[in-house]
Amino acid sequence: MIFSNYACNKENFNAKKEVVQPTEELGEKEELQSTEEFDEKEELQPAKELHEKLETVFQLSSTNDLEQFFIDWNESVSPNSVEFISQNDTVEAIYEVYKLFYDPFDLTKLGSWEKMGINLNSNCKYVAVQNKIIYGVVEDTSFESPYSYYISPSYYDTINDFRPSLNLAKEQVLYLLPEYEEALNMFLRTEPFGTEPTFIYSYEDILKKYEFIRPYIPILRGHWGWYWHLSTHPFINQIVFNKTLDKAKIYFRVGYQGGEATLEKNSNVWVINESKATWIE
């Protein structure tokens, strides 16, 4: 097992961290409207039916039918509407920052990664975009703190049914809605975090299923057990903004490593000032 300095000194690091509390000047969080109030979404098949479809095409070894499964997924789920994204300045900033930052086919610009991390998303037809995003807004003094990651959990908010437009061709993008996430987990026989497989299905069977769908989406087995990273990395854990929404920090994962990035908005355009790897499992 490989550990970074961060992992080795995790106890010391935790001893020094502090929870950053937002100041009262920020007031109440803006009420976030749900996507259902803005977006029309095609009715999807239940996860059980999607899973059964995957099992069938796998048993038949039908790459044509598997190709059609992903085409149907791509065509049935669209990005969030402009009306939803523009409901307030915070939501708009989240989508702008994510669109700039998310480049799964050029991970080297986000930091120095192990070889596995650099090639994580190679030779795949699609990316599967995470379906929720966690974010927070803090006072400028708290934002500049090296512990801004630890803002009070009660002050974080989440956009569920997160479907951002990306700087990628529409034909490459899959939005990892819960129905598809559950179906893939059933297909791959995901076990709870930190556990060993129950061996109802052999390792060889699971590996064959992984190899069957890997040319389409770059899934990754979890480092600590038989679970799967289904969202295509970089996976954004959190975005933290300053009060004026012209600075942002992104905490993210690439494979079995993670990093943080700082961004700034100049002349109404977001730019990445710095992005680097900060930990490894």
Protein backbone atom coordinates (compact mmCIF):
# COMPACT_ATOMS: atom_id res chain seq x y z
CA MET A 1 0.00 0.00 0.00
CA ILE A 2 1.30 3.42 -0.97
CA PHE A 3 0.91 6.40 1.33
CA SER A 4 1.77 10.03 0.78
CA ASN A 5 3.14 12.38 3.41
CA TYR A 6 -0.44 13.55 3.88
CA ALA A 7 -1.62 10.02 4.64
CA CYS A 8 1.29 9.28 6.95
CA ASN A 9 0.79 12.50 8.89
CA LYS A 10 -3.00 12.42 8.85
CA GLU A 11 -3.21 12.39 12.66
CA ASN A 12 -1.05 15.51 12.93
CA PHE A 13 -2.97 17.18 10.13
CA ASN A 14 -6.32 16.55 11.80
CA ALA A 15 -5.00 17.86 15.09
CA LYS A 16 -4.29 21.23 13.50
CA LYS A 17 -7.46 21.61 11.43
CA GLU A 18 -10.23 23.93 12.47
CA VAL A 19 -13.82 24.25 11.35
CA VAL A 20 -14.37 27.51 9.53
CA GLN A 21 -17.69 29.08 10.45
CA PRO A 22 -19.38 31.43 7.96
CA THR A 23 -19.97 34.89 9.40
CA GLU A 24 -23.44 36.27 10.04
CA GLU A 25 -22.90 38.86 7.30
CA LEU A 26 -23.59 36.18 4.72
CA GLY A 27 -27.14 35.81 5.99
CA GLU A 28 -29.38 32.90 5.08
CA LYS A 29 -28.46 30.54 2.28
CA GLU A 30 -30.23 31.19 -0.99
CA GLU A 31 -33.12 28.80 -1.45
CA LEU A 32 -32.30 26.44 -4.28
CA GLN A 33 -35.10 25.52 -6.66
CA SER A 34 -35.20 21.89 -7.77
CA THR A 35 -34.52 20.89 -11.36
CA GLU A 36 -38.07 19.55 -11.60
CA GLU A 37 -39.40 23.10 -11.50
CA PHE A 38 -37.40 24.01 -14.62
CA ASP A 39 -36.47 20.92 -16.61
CA GLU A 40 -38.46 18.40 -18.55
CA LYS A 41 -36.81 15.01 -18.32
CA GLU A 42 -37.66 11.90 -20.28
CA GLU A 43 -39.03 9.14 -18.09
CA LEU A 44 -36.31 6.57 -17.50
CA GLN A 45 -36.47 2.85 -17.05
CA PRO A 46 -36.15 1.67 -13.43
CA ALA A 47 -32.69 0.54 -12.33
CA LYS A 48 -33.81 -3.09 -12.20
CA GLU A 49 -34.80 -3.04 -15.88
CA LEU A 50 -31.58 -1.30 -16.90
CA HIS A 51 -29.61 -3.89 -14.95
CA GLU A 52 -31.49 -6.75 -16.62
CA LYS A 53 -30.72 -5.24 -20.02
CA LEU A 54 -27.01 -5.08 -19.17
CA GLU A 55 -27.03 -8.67 -17.94
CA THR A 56 -28.72 -9.84 -21.14
CA VAL A 57 -26.28 -8.13 -23.51
CA PHE A 58 -23.38 -9.43 -21.40
CA GLN A 59 -24.62 -13.02 -21.53
CA LEU A 60 -25.02 -12.66 -25.29
CA SER A 61 -21.61 -10.95 -25.60
CA SER A 62 -23.38 -8.49 -27.87
CA THR A 63 -21.24 -5.39 -28.31
CA ASN A 64 -23.84 -3.99 -30.73
CA ASP A 65 -26.54 -4.13 -28.08
CA LEU A 66 -24.16 -2.69 -25.50
CA GLU A 67 -23.36 0.16 -27.88
CA GLN A 68 -27.10 0.81 -28.20
CA PHE A 69 -27.50 0.80 -24.41
CA PHE A 70 -25.04 3.69 -24.14
CA ILE A 71 -26.51 5.52 -27.14
CA ASP A 72 -29.97 5.36 -25.54
CA TRP A 73 -28.53 6.64 -22.26
CA ASN A 74 -26.77 9.52 -24.02
CA GLU A 75 -29.86 10.54 -25.98
CA SER A 76 -32.37 10.24 -23.12
CA VAL A 77 -30.70 12.61 -20.62
CA SER A 78 -29.94 16.25 -21.42
CA PRO A 79 -28.13 19.04 -19.53
CA ASN A 80 -29.97 21.20 -17.01
CA SER A 81 -31.90 24.07 -18.53
CA VAL A 82 -30.60 27.63 -18.74
CA GLU A 83 -33.56 28.66 -16.57
CA PHE A 84 -32.43 26.37 -13.74
CA ILE A 85 -28.78 27.41 -13.97
CA SER A 86 -29.58 31.13 -14.01
CA GLN A 87 -31.90 31.05 -10.99
CA ASN A 88 -29.25 32.84 -8.88
CA ASP A 89 -25.62 33.97 -9.05
CA THR A 90 -24.30 31.11 -6.90
CA VAL A 91 -25.77 28.36 -9.05
CA GLU A 92 -24.56 30.11 -12.18
CA ALA A 93 -21.02 30.34 -10.74
CA ILE A 94 -21.04 26.62 -9.89
CA TYR A 95 -21.87 25.63 -13.46
CA GLU A 96 -19.32 28.05 -14.92
CA VAL A 97 -16.54 26.78 -12.66
CA TYR A 98 -17.37 23.14 -13.26
CA LYS A 99 -17.44 23.58 -17.04
CA LEU A 100 -14.00 25.22 -17.01
CA PHE A 101 -12.44 22.72 -14.62
CA TYR A 102 -13.87 19.44 -15.91
CA ASP A 103 -11.55 18.09 -18.59
CA PRO A 104 -11.35 14.32 -18.11
CA PHE A 105 -9.13 13.79 -21.16
CA ASP A 106 -6.37 16.16 -20.02
CA LEU A 107 -5.81 15.33 -16.36
CA THR A 108 -2.16 16.42 -16.41
CA LYS A 109 -3.17 20.08 -16.33
CA LEU A 110 -4.71 19.48 -12.90
CA GLY A 111 -1.61 18.11 -11.19
CA SER A 112 1.07 15.42 -11.14
CA TRP A 113 -0.51 11.97 -11.04
CA GLU A 114 0.67 8.40 -11.01
CA LYS A 115 0.72 6.68 -14.41
CA MET A 116 -2.59 5.02 -13.63
CA GLY A 117 -4.13 8.42 -12.93
CA ILE A 118 -2.79 9.99 -16.12
CA ASN A 119 -4.27 7.20 -18.24
CA LEU A 120 -7.41 6.81 -16.17
CA ASN A 121 -9.88 7.86 -18.87
CA SER A 122 -8.04 6.72 -21.97
CA ASN A 123 -9.68 4.68 -24.72
CA CYS A 124 -13.27 5.25 -23.64
CA LYS A 125 -16.18 6.48 -25.75
CA TYR A 126 -18.03 8.29 -22.98
CA VAL A 127 -17.64 10.14 -19.70
CA ALA A 128 -20.15 9.65 -16.87
CA VAL A 129 -20.73 12.94 -15.03
CA GLN A 130 -21.40 12.97 -11.28
CA ASN A 131 -25.05 13.62 -10.43
CA LYS A 132 -24.63 15.93 -7.44
CA ILE A 133 -22.31 18.73 -6.44
CA ILE A 134 -21.57 19.99 -2.92
CA TYR A 135 -20.74 23.66 -2.48
CA GLY A 136 -20.43 26.41 0.11
CA VAL A 137 -20.02 30.19 0.29
CA VAL A 138 -17.89 31.75 3.01
CA GLU A 139 -16.65 35.17 4.11
CA ASP A 140 -13.43 36.26 2.39
CA THR A 141 -11.33 35.83 5.53
CA SER A 142 -12.56 32.25 5.91
CA PHE A 143 -12.00 31.57 2.22
CA GLU A 144 -8.33 32.52 2.50
CA SER A 145 -7.86 30.15 5.45
CA PRO A 146 -5.89 26.98 4.62
CA TYR A 147 -8.76 25.15 6.33
CA SER A 148 -11.55 26.45 4.09
CA TYR A 149 -12.27 22.81 3.23
CA TYR A 150 -13.59 22.46 6.77
CA ILE A 151 -16.34 25.06 6.69
CA SER A 152 -19.26 24.14 8.92
CA PRO A 153 -21.03 21.16 7.32
CA SER A 154 -24.39 22.78 8.07
CA TYR A 155 -23.46 25.55 5.66
CA TYR A 156 -22.81 23.31 2.68
CA ASP A 157 -25.54 22.87 0.13
CA THR A 158 -26.03 20.34 -2.65
CA ILE A 159 -27.30 20.48 -6.19
CA ASN A 160 -28.93 17.15 -6.91
CA ASP A 161 -29.72 16.06 -10.46
CA PHE A 162 -26.61 17.96 -11.53
CA ARG A 163 -26.32 17.90 -15.33
CA PRO A 164 -23.87 20.56 -16.51
CA SER A 165 -23.04 21.50 -20.08
CA LEU A 166 -19.41 20.63 -20.80
CA ASN A 167 -16.63 21.53 -23.18
CA LEU A 168 -17.09 18.12 -24.79
CA ALA A 169 -19.14 16.83 -27.69
CA LYS A 170 -22.67 16.00 -26.59
CA GLU A 171 -22.22 12.49 -28.00
CA GLN A 172 -19.49 11.81 -25.41
CA VAL A 173 -21.47 12.76 -22.31
CA LEU A 174 -23.53 10.54 -19.99
CA TYR A 175 -25.21 11.95 -16.90
CA LEU A 176 -24.98 9.44 -14.07
CA LEU A 177 -28.57 9.56 -12.84
CA PRO A 178 -29.42 7.35 -9.84
CA GLU A 179 -31.17 4.77 -12.04
CA TYR A 180 -28.02 4.21 -14.09
CA GLU A 181 -25.72 4.29 -11.07
CA GLU A 182 -27.78 1.65 -9.30
CA ALA A 183 -27.99 -0.52 -12.44
CA LEU A 184 -24.21 -0.41 -12.93
CA ASN A 185 -23.58 -1.24 -9.28
CA MET A 186 -25.90 -4.25 -9.52
CA PHE A 187 -24.20 -5.36 -12.73
CA LEU A 188 -20.72 -5.07 -11.21
CA ARG A 189 -21.77 -6.67 -7.90
CA THR A 190 -20.68 -3.74 -5.78
CA GLU A 191 -19.96 -4.54 -2.13
CA PRO A 192 -20.16 -2.03 0.73
CA PHE A 193 -17.14 0.25 1.24
CA GLY A 194 -14.28 -1.45 3.05
CA THR A 195 -15.58 -5.02 2.66
CA GLU A 196 -14.30 -8.01 0.76
CA PRO A 197 -16.47 -9.66 -1.92
CA THR A 198 -18.97 -12.26 -0.71
CA PHE A 199 -17.78 -14.60 -3.50
CA ILE A 200 -21.32 -15.34 -4.62
CA TYR A 201 -19.77 -14.24 -7.91
CA SER A 202 -16.15 -14.97 -8.65
CA TYR A 203 -13.50 -12.35 -9.18
CA GLU A 204 -13.17 -13.62 -12.74
CA ASP A 205 -16.87 -13.01 -13.41
CA ILE A 206 -16.69 -9.46 -12.10
CA LEU A 207 -13.50 -8.79 -14.08
CA LYS A 208 -15.18 -9.98 -17.28
CA LYS A 209 -18.07 -7.58 -16.70
CA TYR A 210 -15.66 -4.74 -16.02
CA GLU A 211 -13.75 -5.48 -19.23
CA PHE A 212 -17.03 -5.68 -21.15
CA ILE A 213 -18.10 -2.11 -20.34
CA ARG A 214 -14.68 -0.45 -19.84
CA PRO A 215 -14.36 0.58 -23.53
CA TYR A 216 -17.45 2.74 -23.00
CA ILE A 217 -16.98 4.35 -19.58
CA PRO A 218 -13.76 4.60 -17.51
CA ILE A 219 -14.94 3.01 -14.27
CA LEU A 220 -12.44 2.29 -11.52
CA ARG A 221 -12.46 -0.26 -8.72
CA GLY A 222 -12.33 1.31 -5.26
CA HIS A 223 -9.00 1.32 -3.46
CA TRP A 224 -10.43 0.00 -0.19
CA GLY A 225 -12.71 -2.79 -1.37
CA TRP A 226 -15.13 -4.08 -3.97
CA TYR A 227 -16.94 -0.88 -4.74
CA TRP A 228 -16.62 1.19 -7.91
CA HIS A 229 -15.93 4.78 -8.89
CA LEU A 230 -18.55 5.17 -11.61
CA SER A 231 -18.30 8.94 -12.13
CA THR A 232 -15.55 9.84 -14.57
CA HIS A 233 -12.75 11.71 -12.80
CA PRO A 234 -11.91 14.39 -11.90
CA PHE A 235 -14.63 13.90 -9.32
CA ILE A 236 -15.33 17.15 -7.49
CA ASN A 237 -15.85 16.64 -3.76
CA GLN A 238 -16.60 20.27 -2.93
CA ILE A 239 -16.53 23.76 -4.35
CA VAL A 240 -16.03 26.66 -1.92
CA PHE A 241 -16.65 30.26 -3.02
CA ASN A 242 -15.84 33.56 -1.38
CA LYS A 243 -18.71 35.92 -0.56
CA THR A 244 -18.42 37.92 -3.78
CA LEU A 245 -18.32 34.80 -5.96
CA ASP A 246 -15.16 35.80 -7.78
CA LYS A 247 -12.85 33.23 -6.15
CA ALA A 248 -13.31 29.49 -5.80
CA LYS A 249 -11.51 26.45 -4.41
CA ILE A 250 -12.16 22.99 -5.79
CA TYR A 251 -11.34 19.83 -3.86
CA PHE A 252 -11.28 16.84 -6.19
CA ARG A 253 -10.23 13.25 -6.84
CA VAL A 254 -8.30 11.68 -9.73
CA GLY A 255 -8.09 7.89 -9.42
CA TYR A 256 -6.50 7.01 -6.08
CA GLN A 257 -5.21 10.55 -5.59
CA GLY A 258 -6.76 13.90 -4.89
CA GLY A 259 -5.99 17.55 -5.17
CA GLU A 260 -7.17 21.10 -4.84
CA ALA A 261 -7.43 23.98 -7.25
CA THR A 262 -7.90 27.73 -6.88
CA LEU A 263 -9.81 29.74 -9.47
CA GLU A 264 -10.51 33.42 -9.94
CA LYS A 265 -12.92 35.45 -12.04
CA ASN A 266 -11.32 38.32 -13.93
CA SER A 267 -13.25 40.53 -16.37
CA ASN A 268 -16.19 38.13 -16.06
CA VAL A 269 -14.06 35.13 -17.07
CA TRP A 270 -13.03 32.28 -14.74
CA VAL A 271 -9.41 31.10 -14.86
CA ILE A 272 -7.55 28.35 -12.98
CA ASN A 273 -4.74 29.95 -10.99
CA GLU A 274 -3.34 26.72 -9.57
CA SER A 275 -4.19 23.04 -9.42
CA LYS A 276 -2.11 20.37 -7.71
CA ALA A 277 -2.18 16.89 -6.23
CA THR A 278 -2.26 16.93 -2.43
CA TRP A 279 -2.92 13.36 -1.26
CA ILE A 280 -2.78 9.71 -2.28
CA GLU A 281 -4.47 6.57 -0.97
